[in-house]
Amino acid sequence: MYLGGQDNLAGPQSYASFLNDSSGDASGAVLPLGQDYPAEYQHMILAHWRGFRTPPIYHRAGLYIAYFVLMIINIFGNGLVIWIFTTSKSLRTPSNLLILNLAVFDLFMCTNMPQYLINAAVGYVVGGELGCDIYAVCGGISGMGASITNAFIAFDRYKTISNPIDGRLSYGQIIMCIMFTWLWATPFSVLPFFQIWGQYKPEGYLTTCSFDYLTNTDEIRLFVRTIFVWSYAIPMTMVLTSYYKLFTHVRSHERMLAEQAKKMNVKSLSANASNESMSVELRIAKAALIIYMLFVIAWTPYSVVALIGCFGEQQLLTPFVTMVPALACKGVSCLDPWVYATSHPKYRLELERRLPWLGIREKQYASSGSTGGQESVASVSGDTLAMSVQN
């Protein structure tokens, strides 16, 4: 809720959801957002937030519990991926190195969750400007690194399926891609840290930090435009392009197989057609949709909030609204290992063997003993994009 009648406080208009729920002291006086901040940290609070009341205790408690649960899930899920993929020879393939790199970025995102729990407990960012910068730079590197890694995974899926025999990326090429992801994530995380371009500020309930998207200066507007293109538009374009080309390739190949089978008066030329319960196209569409939606859920909220803060109606950005993007990113970092890795048959077999108490039961597929060591493109396509790569 916006604190009316306080001319010395600049901020957005009131929002009804907190109208009667905001915190107050024993006398009933309204406590403004940021009142928990020590005097030496007050300068960190942007004017936009000073017009809001302190959020109700159940909002802060709910976020605290959510962050704690997400932290445990993140450590468990991504830790399993890193452990299994680094200790199992059968999973040490070039493509799987990208999944491993994604797990590292997602686990790195977890590094600022303990800091958030401390901040939320005391009501301010512990460590002042340095603590805020450390929190934000960890989120920046992990977030931008994960987004560009998703783009490379999509590209690798396309290369593997479109040319399964000699189109796969080599170890050297994958290592170059991984190095590139870390280089990609560094500039727009480090520049605000040293205040060379942009800056990090507390946001939302003032217990988290992100890059400043509320200061109305040409420098900040240009920074927001640039980081939007760099960390969202370019990876999104790569993901969409790769999966579009992947889907069209398999669709045209399936059409070609169907036409050839019709000429030969047989039901199908696909090696596993008799056991396939759904078309390859449908499997690819469903898998690609899950991957794409995770990307959208993770990074679209931050992009929208940043653009509104810089170029839109800032009064829409309430403390609660601006806490949603960070929660979405943290949530997706917990889902990634299950979508990209736990659907992998060999990974599931390793989990079943090493951690039987998880209750995972995976079919032991016989290796495709094709005479020339080659699988049909349709079979490779379905298995690969459904996160069931057998290599």
Protein backbone atom coordinates (compact mmCIF):
# COMPACT_ATOMS: atom_id res chain seq x y z
CA MET A 1 0.00 0.00 0.00
CA TYR A 2 1.21 3.46 -0.81
CA LEU A 3 1.58 5.78 2.16
CA GLY A 4 -0.57 8.77 1.38
CA GLY A 5 -0.05 12.12 3.01
CA GLN A 6 3.74 11.85 3.16
CA ASP A 7 4.95 14.37 0.64
CA ASN A 8 8.60 13.69 1.35
CA LEU A 9 8.28 10.11 0.10
CA ALA A 10 8.26 9.44 -3.62
CA GLY A 11 6.68 6.25 -4.83
CA PRO A 12 3.95 4.60 -6.87
CA GLN A 13 0.24 4.75 -6.33
CA SER A 14 -1.58 2.54 -3.86
CA TYR A 15 -2.37 -1.09 -4.54
CA ALA A 16 -5.42 -2.61 -2.93
CA SER A 17 -4.06 -6.06 -2.14
CA PHE A 18 -2.05 -4.74 0.80
CA LEU A 19 -4.52 -2.05 1.82
CA ASN A 20 -5.48 -3.60 5.15
CA ASP A 21 -2.71 -6.14 5.59
CA SER A 22 0.42 -4.06 6.01
CA SER A 23 2.45 -4.14 9.14
CA GLY A 24 2.23 -1.58 11.91
CA ASP A 25 3.62 -1.11 15.35
CA ALA A 26 1.84 -1.66 18.65
CA SER A 27 0.13 1.73 18.46
CA GLY A 28 -1.25 1.01 15.01
CA ALA A 29 1.11 3.38 13.20
CA VAL A 30 1.98 2.33 9.66
CA LEU A 31 5.57 1.16 9.12
CA PRO A 32 7.05 2.19 5.76
CA LEU A 33 8.98 -0.28 3.65
CA GLY A 34 12.66 -0.10 4.55
CA GLN A 35 12.15 0.92 8.15
CA ASP A 36 14.22 -2.14 9.19
CA TYR A 37 17.26 -0.82 7.32
CA PRO A 38 20.07 0.59 9.46
CA ALA A 39 20.72 4.30 9.02
CA GLU A 40 23.98 3.66 7.12
CA TYR A 41 22.11 1.54 4.54
CA GLN A 42 19.15 3.88 3.95
CA HIS A 43 20.81 5.44 0.90
CA MET A 44 20.57 2.09 -0.90
CA ILE A 45 16.76 2.23 -1.05
CA LEU A 46 15.38 3.71 -4.25
CA ALA A 47 12.65 6.33 -3.92
CA HIS A 48 10.18 4.03 -5.66
CA TRP A 49 10.03 1.69 -2.65
CA ARG A 50 9.76 4.31 0.08
CA GLY A 51 6.07 4.92 -0.52
CA PHE A 52 5.04 1.36 0.33
CA ARG A 53 4.15 -0.13 3.65
CA THR A 54 6.10 -2.99 5.17
CA PRO A 55 4.49 -6.18 3.78
CA PRO A 56 2.42 -8.40 6.10
CA ILE A 57 4.28 -11.03 8.03
CA TYR A 58 2.58 -13.94 6.26
CA HIS A 59 3.86 -12.69 2.88
CA ARG A 60 7.41 -12.62 4.16
CA ALA A 61 7.01 -15.96 5.94
CA GLY A 62 5.60 -17.56 2.79
CA LEU A 63 8.54 -16.37 0.69
CA TYR A 64 10.96 -17.49 3.38
CA ILE A 65 9.53 -21.01 3.36
CA ALA A 66 9.43 -21.08 -0.46
CA TYR A 67 13.08 -20.06 -0.74
CA PHE A 68 14.14 -22.62 1.86
CA VAL A 69 12.28 -25.45 0.08
CA LEU A 70 13.64 -24.38 -3.33
CA MET A 71 17.16 -24.29 -1.91
CA ILE A 72 16.90 -27.88 -0.68
CA ILE A 73 15.39 -29.09 -3.97
CA ASN A 74 18.03 -27.22 -5.97
CA ILE A 75 20.94 -28.68 -4.02
CA PHE A 76 19.48 -32.19 -4.14
CA GLY A 77 18.46 -32.24 -7.81
CA ASN A 78 21.43 -30.47 -9.35
CA GLY A 79 23.82 -32.15 -6.93
CA LEU A 80 22.59 -35.54 -8.14
CA VAL A 81 23.09 -34.54 -11.77
CA ILE A 82 26.66 -33.38 -11.14
CA TRP A 83 27.50 -36.46 -9.07
CA ILE A 84 26.03 -39.03 -11.47
CA PHE A 85 27.20 -37.40 -14.69
CA THR A 86 30.78 -36.95 -13.45
CA THR A 87 31.19 -40.44 -11.99
CA SER A 88 29.47 -42.54 -14.67
CA LYS A 89 31.54 -43.36 -17.77
CA SER A 90 28.44 -44.15 -19.82
CA LEU A 91 27.18 -40.58 -19.34
CA ARG A 92 30.40 -38.81 -20.28
CA THR A 93 29.29 -37.77 -23.75
CA PRO A 94 29.71 -34.34 -25.36
CA SER A 95 25.98 -33.59 -25.28
CA ASN A 96 25.76 -34.47 -21.61
CA LEU A 97 28.48 -31.95 -20.79
CA LEU A 98 25.98 -29.22 -21.64
CA ILE A 99 23.46 -30.72 -19.21
CA LEU A 100 26.21 -30.84 -16.61
CA ASN A 101 27.06 -27.20 -17.29
CA LEU A 102 23.40 -26.24 -16.86
CA ALA A 103 23.33 -28.05 -13.51
CA VAL A 104 26.43 -26.10 -12.42
CA PHE A 105 24.77 -22.77 -13.31
CA ASP A 106 21.55 -23.80 -11.56
CA LEU A 107 23.46 -24.86 -8.46
CA PHE A 108 25.39 -21.59 -8.59
CA MET A 109 22.05 -19.77 -8.49
CA CYS A 110 21.46 -21.47 -5.16
CA THR A 111 24.47 -19.70 -3.63
CA ASN A 112 22.50 -16.56 -2.83
CA MET A 113 19.53 -18.38 -1.28
CA PRO A 114 21.18 -18.67 2.17
CA GLN A 115 21.95 -14.97 1.94
CA TYR A 116 18.30 -14.26 1.20
CA LEU A 117 17.20 -16.29 4.23
CA ILE A 118 19.47 -14.17 6.43
CA ASN A 119 18.28 -10.94 4.79
CA ALA A 120 14.64 -11.89 5.19
CA ALA A 121 15.16 -12.74 8.86
CA VAL A 122 16.67 -9.34 9.72
CA GLY A 123 14.66 -7.26 7.21
CA TYR A 124 17.52 -5.78 5.19
CA VAL A 125 20.45 -6.78 2.97
CA VAL A 126 23.22 -7.85 5.30
CA GLY A 127 26.56 -6.40 4.27
CA GLY A 128 25.18 -3.22 2.76
CA GLU A 129 26.25 -2.36 -0.77
CA LEU A 130 28.85 -5.14 -0.94
CA GLY A 131 26.33 -7.73 0.25
CA CYS A 132 23.82 -6.46 -2.31
CA ASP A 133 26.42 -6.59 -5.10
CA ILE A 134 27.49 -10.14 -4.20
CA TYR A 135 23.86 -11.32 -4.11
CA ALA A 136 23.08 -9.75 -7.47
CA VAL A 137 26.24 -10.81 -9.30
CA CYS A 138 25.66 -14.46 -8.31
CA GLY A 139 22.13 -14.23 -9.67
CA GLY A 140 23.30 -12.48 -12.83
CA ILE A 141 26.03 -14.96 -13.74
CA SER A 142 23.89 -18.01 -12.99
CA GLY A 143 20.82 -16.61 -14.74
CA MET A 144 22.47 -15.45 -17.95
CA GLY A 145 24.68 -18.53 -18.02
CA ALA A 146 21.70 -20.86 -17.71
CA SER A 147 19.79 -19.04 -20.46
CA ILE A 148 22.59 -19.27 -23.02
CA THR A 149 23.27 -22.89 -22.01
CA ASN A 150 19.62 -23.68 -22.78
CA ALA A 151 20.19 -22.17 -26.21
CA PHE A 152 23.24 -24.37 -26.84
CA ILE A 153 21.35 -27.46 -25.65
CA ALA A 154 18.63 -26.67 -28.20
CA PHE A 155 21.27 -26.24 -30.91
CA ASP A 156 22.93 -29.52 -29.93
CA ARG A 157 19.56 -31.32 -30.07
CA TYR A 158 19.04 -30.01 -33.60
CA LYS A 159 22.52 -30.99 -34.80
CA THR A 160 22.25 -34.48 -33.29
CA ILE A 161 18.84 -35.20 -34.80
CA SER A 162 19.31 -33.60 -38.19
CA ASN A 163 22.55 -35.51 -38.78
CA PRO A 164 22.85 -38.30 -36.17
CA ILE A 165 25.85 -40.00 -37.78
CA ASP A 166 28.42 -37.23 -38.20
CA GLY A 167 26.55 -34.10 -37.16
CA ARG A 168 27.08 -34.44 -33.41
CA LEU A 169 29.20 -31.79 -31.74
CA SER A 170 32.62 -33.06 -30.66
CA TYR A 171 34.14 -32.80 -27.19
CA GLY A 172 36.25 -29.86 -28.35
CA GLN A 173 33.25 -28.01 -29.77
CA ILE A 174 31.17 -28.62 -26.64
CA ILE A 175 34.00 -27.41 -24.38
CA MET A 176 34.24 -24.26 -26.50
CA CYS A 177 30.48 -23.76 -26.09
CA ILE A 178 30.76 -24.18 -22.32
CA MET A 179 33.59 -21.66 -22.11
CA PHE A 180 31.50 -19.31 -24.21
CA THR A 181 28.54 -19.58 -21.79
CA TRP A 182 30.71 -18.38 -18.90
CA LEU A 183 32.16 -15.57 -20.98
CA TRP A 184 28.64 -14.63 -22.09
CA ALA A 185 27.38 -14.42 -18.49
CA THR A 186 30.27 -12.33 -17.17
CA PRO A 187 30.17 -8.81 -18.71
CA PHE A 188 26.67 -7.68 -17.70
CA SER A 189 27.11 -9.21 -14.26
CA VAL A 190 30.51 -7.65 -13.54
CA LEU A 191 29.93 -4.18 -15.01
CA PRO A 192 27.24 -3.21 -12.46
CA PHE A 193 29.30 -4.83 -9.68
CA PHE A 194 32.10 -2.31 -10.30
CA GLN A 195 29.54 0.40 -11.21
CA ILE A 196 31.14 0.80 -14.62
CA TRP A 197 27.74 0.55 -16.29
CA GLY A 198 24.51 0.04 -14.40
CA GLN A 199 24.21 -0.67 -10.69
CA TYR A 200 22.73 -3.17 -8.27
CA LYS A 201 19.99 -2.10 -5.86
CA PRO A 202 17.58 -3.75 -3.39
CA GLU A 203 14.19 -4.59 -4.87
CA GLY A 204 10.79 -5.93 -3.83
CA TYR A 205 10.72 -6.44 -0.08
CA LEU A 206 14.27 -5.02 -0.02
CA THR A 207 15.75 -8.37 0.96
CA THR A 208 16.93 -9.27 -2.57
CA CYS A 209 19.02 -7.33 -5.08
CA SER A 210 19.03 -7.00 -8.83
CA PHE A 211 20.18 -4.54 -11.46
CA ASP A 212 18.59 -1.11 -11.25
CA TYR A 213 15.68 -0.74 -13.66
CA LEU A 214 13.85 2.09 -11.87
CA THR A 215 16.22 5.06 -12.08
CA ASN A 216 15.09 7.38 -14.89
CA THR A 217 18.37 8.17 -16.59
CA ASP A 218 19.52 7.60 -20.16
CA GLU A 219 22.38 5.42 -18.92
CA ILE A 220 20.08 3.06 -17.02
CA ARG A 221 17.59 2.89 -19.90
CA LEU A 222 20.36 1.96 -22.34
CA PHE A 223 21.68 -0.65 -19.91
CA VAL A 224 18.23 -2.24 -19.55
CA ARG A 225 17.74 -2.31 -23.33
CA THR A 226 21.13 -3.93 -23.84
CA ILE A 227 20.80 -6.55 -21.12
CA PHE A 228 17.30 -7.41 -22.39
CA VAL A 229 18.68 -8.20 -25.84
CA TRP A 230 21.80 -9.90 -24.47
CA SER A 231 20.29 -12.14 -21.81
CA TYR A 232 16.75 -12.73 -23.15
CA ALA A 233 16.17 -11.88 -26.81
CA ILE A 234 19.27 -13.57 -28.24
CA PRO A 235 18.98 -16.86 -26.27
CA MET A 236 15.23 -16.94 -26.93
CA THR A 237 15.83 -16.53 -30.66
CA MET A 238 18.40 -19.33 -30.61
CA VAL A 239 16.04 -21.68 -28.75
CA LEU A 240 13.10 -20.96 -31.05
CA THR A 241 15.20 -21.27 -34.22
CA SER A 242 16.80 -24.56 -33.18
CA TYR A 243 13.56 -26.25 -32.15
CA TYR A 244 11.69 -24.95 -35.19
CA LYS A 245 14.36 -26.34 -37.52
CA LEU A 246 14.41 -29.55 -35.52
CA PHE A 247 10.67 -30.06 -35.75
CA THR A 248 10.49 -29.24 -39.46
CA HIS A 249 13.40 -31.58 -40.19
CA VAL A 250 11.81 -34.57 -38.43
CA ARG A 251 8.40 -33.79 -39.90
CA SER A 252 9.78 -33.77 -43.44
CA HIS A 253 11.77 -36.94 -42.76
CA GLU A 254 8.71 -38.73 -41.38
CA ARG A 255 6.75 -37.65 -44.45
CA MET A 256 9.47 -39.03 -46.68
CA LEU A 257 9.46 -42.35 -44.80
CA ALA A 258 5.67 -42.58 -45.06
CA GLU A 259 5.76 -41.97 -48.82
CA GLN A 260 8.52 -44.55 -49.29
CA ALA A 261 6.62 -47.11 -47.20
CA LYS A 262 3.51 -46.52 -49.29
CA LYS A 263 5.47 -47.18 -52.47
CA MET A 264 6.88 -50.38 -51.00
CA ASN A 265 3.42 -51.40 -49.74
CA VAL A 266 4.59 -51.76 -46.12
CA LYS A 267 3.21 -50.21 -42.96
CA SER A 268 6.30 -48.26 -41.91
CA LEU A 269 10.05 -48.03 -42.43
CA SER A 270 10.78 -46.87 -38.87
CA ALA A 271 12.75 -49.41 -36.86
CA ASN A 272 10.61 -49.04 -33.76
CA ALA A 273 7.27 -48.28 -35.34
CA SER A 274 5.51 -51.34 -33.92
CA ASN A 275 6.27 -50.28 -30.35
CA GLU A 276 5.74 -46.55 -30.72
CA SER A 277 2.59 -45.38 -28.91
CA MET A 278 2.67 -41.90 -30.36
CA SER A 279 4.09 -40.29 -33.44
CA VAL A 280 7.64 -38.96 -33.38
CA GLU A 281 6.33 -35.53 -34.27
CA LEU A 282 4.10 -35.47 -31.22
CA ARG A 283 6.89 -36.61 -28.91
CA ILE A 284 9.19 -33.93 -30.27
CA ALA A 285 6.52 -31.26 -30.00
CA LYS A 286 5.78 -32.16 -26.38
CA ALA A 287 9.44 -32.27 -25.33
CA ALA A 288 10.26 -29.03 -27.12
CA LEU A 289 7.22 -27.36 -25.57
CA ILE A 290 8.35 -28.29 -22.04
CA ILE A 291 11.86 -26.95 -22.65
CA TYR A 292 10.59 -23.76 -24.27
CA MET A 293 8.00 -23.11 -21.56
CA LEU A 294 10.61 -23.50 -18.82
CA PHE A 295 12.71 -20.88 -20.56
CA VAL A 296 9.73 -18.54 -20.87
CA ILE A 297 8.64 -19.04 -17.26
CA ALA A 298 12.15 -18.39 -15.97
CA TRP A 299 13.10 -15.24 -17.83
CA THR A 300 9.99 -13.51 -19.15
CA PRO A 301 8.88 -12.14 -15.73
CA TYR A 302 12.23 -10.42 -15.17
CA SER A 303 12.23 -9.03 -18.69
CA VAL A 304 8.71 -7.64 -18.33
CA VAL A 305 9.40 -6.10 -14.92
CA ALA A 306 12.63 -4.48 -16.14
CA LEU A 307 10.99 -3.03 -19.25
CA ILE A 308 8.03 -1.69 -17.26
CA GLY A 309 10.38 -0.17 -14.71
CA CYS A 310 12.37 1.61 -17.39
CA PHE A 311 9.79 2.48 -20.02
CA GLY A 312 6.33 1.78 -18.57
CA GLU A 313 4.09 2.60 -15.63
CA GLN A 314 6.27 2.14 -12.58
CA GLN A 315 3.27 2.19 -10.25
CA LEU A 316 2.51 -1.33 -11.48
CA LEU A 317 5.71 -2.58 -9.86
CA THR A 318 4.65 -3.27 -6.31
CA PRO A 319 7.03 -5.02 -3.90
CA PHE A 320 5.08 -8.27 -4.24
CA VAL A 321 5.06 -8.13 -8.06
CA THR A 322 8.81 -7.62 -8.24
CA MET A 323 9.46 -10.62 -6.00
CA VAL A 324 7.76 -12.96 -8.51
CA PRO A 325 10.54 -12.95 -11.17
CA ALA A 326 13.24 -13.99 -8.72
CA LEU A 327 11.01 -16.77 -7.40
CA ALA A 328 10.33 -17.97 -10.97
CA CYS A 329 14.06 -18.15 -11.77
CA LYS A 330 14.78 -20.05 -8.57
CA GLY A 331 11.90 -22.44 -9.27
CA VAL A 332 13.02 -23.24 -12.81
CA SER A 333 16.59 -23.85 -11.61
CA CYS A 334 15.08 -26.65 -9.48
CA LEU A 335 13.06 -28.11 -12.37
CA ASP A 336 15.89 -28.18 -14.92
CA PRO A 337 17.63 -31.29 -13.59
CA TRP A 338 14.40 -33.27 -13.67
CA VAL A 339 13.43 -32.20 -17.18
CA TYR A 340 16.87 -32.48 -18.79
CA ALA A 341 18.38 -35.33 -16.82
CA THR A 342 15.93 -37.57 -14.99
CA SER A 343 14.17 -38.44 -18.25
CA HIS A 344 17.51 -39.74 -19.55
CA PRO A 345 17.32 -43.58 -19.46
CA LYS A 346 20.97 -44.14 -18.54
CA TYR A 347 20.80 -41.48 -15.85
CA ARG A 348 17.68 -43.11 -14.43
CA LEU A 349 19.40 -46.50 -14.49
CA GLU A 350 22.30 -45.04 -12.51
CA LEU A 351 19.90 -43.56 -9.99
CA GLU A 352 18.10 -46.90 -9.69
CA ARG A 353 21.39 -48.69 -9.10
CA ARG A 354 22.99 -46.20 -6.70
CA LEU A 355 19.95 -44.78 -4.91
CA PRO A 356 17.27 -47.49 -4.90
CA TRP A 357 15.40 -45.70 -2.11
CA LEU A 358 14.32 -43.07 -4.65
CA GLY A 359 11.93 -45.67 -6.09
CA ILE A 360 13.01 -45.10 -9.71
CA ARG A 361 12.37 -48.07 -12.00
CA GLU A 362 13.75 -47.90 -15.52
CA LYS A 363 13.39 -50.42 -18.34
CA GLN A 364 16.67 -51.93 -19.46
CA TYR A 365 16.52 -51.43 -23.20
CA ALA A 366 18.56 -53.68 -25.35
CA SER A 367 21.05 -51.80 -27.41
CA SER A 368 19.97 -51.26 -30.94
CA GLY A 369 22.00 -53.84 -32.68
CA SER A 370 21.53 -52.50 -36.15
CA THR A 371 23.82 -54.15 -38.61
CA GLY A 372 25.78 -51.11 -39.59
CA GLY A 373 25.63 -49.52 -36.17
CA GLN A 374 23.16 -47.01 -37.52
CA GLU A 375 19.71 -46.17 -36.19
CA SER A 376 16.87 -44.80 -38.19
CA VAL A 377 16.72 -41.02 -38.07
CA ALA A 378 13.16 -41.28 -36.83
CA SER A 379 14.23 -43.40 -33.86
CA VAL A 380 17.17 -41.15 -33.03
CA SER A 381 14.96 -38.09 -33.34
CA GLY A 382 12.31 -39.35 -30.97
CA ASP A 383 14.73 -40.61 -28.36
CA THR A 384 17.02 -37.60 -28.41
CA LEU A 385 14.49 -34.81 -28.13
CA ALA A 386 12.47 -36.71 -25.59
CA MET A 387 15.59 -36.52 -23.42
CA SER A 388 16.16 -40.23 -23.99
CA VAL A 389 19.52 -40.08 -25.73
CA GLN A 390 21.12 -43.50 -25.62
CA ASN A 391 24.69 -42.36 -26.43
